[in-house]
């Protein structure tokens, strides 16, 4: 399914992502989006959760809105 929307950027540089696109991609209020450029295109992706210390995406635990992997959590416990 292809979604095409044309949105104006407001005075603060914001755009609105339509409900259909957010629903299709599973984007919820509070999710973090990764914004990159590729040539003259802007690429917006739902950011994957990664450990704040080592960037691992395995065995994550949430702590105060941050993700920490099991290995780093174990290292923190041993301090």
C-alpha atoms as a PDB file:
ATOM      1  CA  UNK A   1       0.000   0.000   0.000  1.00  0.00           C
ATOM      2  CA  UNK A   2       1.435   3.371  -1.018  1.00  0.00           C
ATOM      3  CA  UNK A   3       0.550   6.518   0.881  1.00  0.00           C
ATOM      4  CA  UNK A   4       1.166   9.937  -0.633  1.00  0.00           C
ATOM      5  CA  UNK A   5       0.622  13.118   1.338  1.00  0.00           C
ATOM      6  CA  UNK A   6       1.624  16.691   0.710  1.00  0.00           C
ATOM      7  CA  UNK A   7       2.098  18.711   3.893  1.00  0.00           C
ATOM      8  CA  UNK A   8       3.354  22.222   4.474  1.00  0.00           C
ATOM      9  CA  UNK A   9       6.088  22.884   6.992  1.00  0.00           C
ATOM     10  CA  UNK A  10       4.856  25.247   9.724  1.00  0.00           C
ATOM     11  CA  UNK A  11       6.740  28.251  11.129  1.00  0.00           C
ATOM     12  CA  UNK A  12       8.552  26.018  13.638  1.00  0.00           C
ATOM     13  CA  UNK A  13       9.733  23.549  10.966  1.00  0.00           C
ATOM     14  CA  UNK A  14       7.184  20.845  11.834  1.00  0.00           C
ATOM     15  CA  UNK A  15       5.191  18.561   9.577  1.00  0.00           C
ATOM     16  CA  UNK A  16       2.280  16.282  10.402  1.00  0.00           C
ATOM     17  CA  UNK A  17       2.477  12.577   9.515  1.00  0.00           C
ATOM     18  CA  UNK A  18      -1.009  11.382   8.615  1.00  0.00           C
ATOM     19  CA  UNK A  19      -2.869   8.927  10.820  1.00  0.00           C
ATOM     20  CA  UNK A  20      -2.983   6.364   7.983  1.00  0.00           C
ATOM     21  CA  UNK A  21       0.814   6.357   7.638  1.00  0.00           C
ATOM     22  CA  UNK A  22       1.371   6.246  11.406  1.00  0.00           C
ATOM     23  CA  UNK A  23      -1.056   3.352  11.756  1.00  0.00           C
ATOM     24  CA  UNK A  24       0.525   1.480   8.810  1.00  0.00           C
ATOM     25  CA  UNK A  25       4.020   1.830  10.328  1.00  0.00           C
ATOM     26  CA  UNK A  26       2.950   1.270  13.938  1.00  0.00           C
ATOM     27  CA  UNK A  27       4.106   4.730  15.021  1.00  0.00           C
ATOM     28  CA  UNK A  28       2.613   5.757  18.374  1.00  0.00           C
ATOM     29  CA  UNK A  29       2.681   8.962  20.391  1.00  0.00           C
ATOM     30  CA  UNK A  30       6.079   9.190  22.105  1.00  0.00           C
ATOM     31  CA  UNK A  31       7.920   6.977  19.592  1.00  0.00           C
ATOM     32  CA  UNK A  32      11.303   8.189  18.391  1.00  0.00           C
ATOM     33  CA  UNK A  33      11.855   8.685  14.673  1.00  0.00           C
ATOM     34  CA  UNK A  34      15.195   8.576  12.890  1.00  0.00           C
ATOM     35  CA  UNK A  35      15.543  11.300  10.230  1.00  0.00           C
ATOM     36  CA  UNK A  36      18.271  11.031   7.562  1.00  0.00           C
ATOM     37  CA  UNK A  37      18.929  12.405   4.112  1.00  0.00           C
ATOM     38  CA  UNK A  38      19.741  10.407   1.018  1.00  0.00           C
ATOM     39  CA  UNK A  39      20.605  12.583  -1.944  1.00  0.00           C
ATOM     40  CA  UNK A  40      17.812  15.136  -2.095  1.00  0.00           C
ATOM     41  CA  UNK A  41      15.333  12.928  -0.174  1.00  0.00           C
ATOM     42  CA  UNK A  42      14.453  12.987   3.514  1.00  0.00           C
ATOM     43  CA  UNK A  43      14.144   9.501   5.016  1.00  0.00           C
ATOM     44  CA  UNK A  44      12.047   9.134   8.176  1.00  0.00           C
ATOM     45  CA  UNK A  45      12.046   5.764   9.958  1.00  0.00           C
ATOM     46  CA  UNK A  46      10.776   4.527  13.263  1.00  0.00           C
ATOM     47  CA  UNK A  47      13.912   4.311  15.403  1.00  0.00           C
ATOM     48  CA  UNK A  48      14.818   0.904  16.732  1.00  0.00           C
ATOM     49  CA  UNK A  49      15.508   0.699  20.430  1.00  0.00           C
ATOM     50  CA  UNK A  50      19.161   0.139  21.274  1.00  0.00           C
ATOM     51  CA  UNK A  51      21.236   0.051  24.435  1.00  0.00           C
ATOM     52  CA  UNK A  52      22.280   3.561  25.456  1.00  0.00           C
ATOM     53  CA  UNK A  53      25.766   2.262  26.306  1.00  0.00           C
ATOM     54  CA  UNK A  54      26.754  -0.176  23.535  1.00  0.00           C
ATOM     55  CA  UNK A  55      24.030   0.170  20.837  1.00  0.00           C
ATOM     56  CA  UNK A  56      23.064  -3.520  21.092  1.00  0.00           C
ATOM     57  CA  UNK A  57      19.459  -4.329  20.196  1.00  0.00           C
ATOM     58  CA  UNK A  58      19.371  -7.660  22.084  1.00  0.00           C
ATOM     59  CA  UNK A  59      17.874  -8.415  25.527  1.00  0.00           C
ATOM     60  CA  UNK A  60      16.828  -4.833  26.285  1.00  0.00           C
ATOM     61  CA  UNK A  61      15.363  -3.616  29.572  1.00  0.00           C
ATOM     62  CA  UNK A  62      13.720  -0.210  29.945  1.00  0.00           C
ATOM     63  CA  UNK A  63      15.018   2.049  32.718  1.00  0.00           C
ATOM     64  CA  UNK A  64      13.664   5.602  33.040  1.00  0.00           C
ATOM     65  CA  UNK A  65      12.785   5.769  29.307  1.00  0.00           C
ATOM     66  CA  UNK A  66      16.207   4.416  28.299  1.00  0.00           C
ATOM     67  CA  UNK A  67      17.062   0.978  26.931  1.00  0.00           C
ATOM     68  CA  UNK A  68      19.874  -1.019  28.541  1.00  0.00           C
ATOM     69  CA  UNK A  69      20.986  -4.463  27.319  1.00  0.00           C
ATOM     70  CA  UNK A  70      21.482  -7.395  29.686  1.00  0.00           C
ATOM     71  CA  UNK A  71      25.291  -7.285  29.362  1.00  0.00           C
ATOM     72  CA  UNK A  72      25.535  -3.593  30.247  1.00  0.00           C
ATOM     73  CA  UNK A  73      22.981  -4.024  33.024  1.00  0.00           C
ATOM     74  CA  UNK A  74      25.160  -6.748  34.523  1.00  0.00           C
ATOM     75  CA  UNK A  75      28.230  -4.490  34.294  1.00  0.00           C
ATOM     76  CA  UNK A  76      26.329  -1.710  36.055  1.00  0.00           C
ATOM     77  CA  UNK A  77      25.295  -4.062  38.833  1.00  0.00           C
ATOM     78  CA  UNK A  78      28.917  -5.035  39.438  1.00  0.00           C
ATOM     79  CA  UNK A  79      30.080  -1.430  39.988  1.00  0.00           C
END
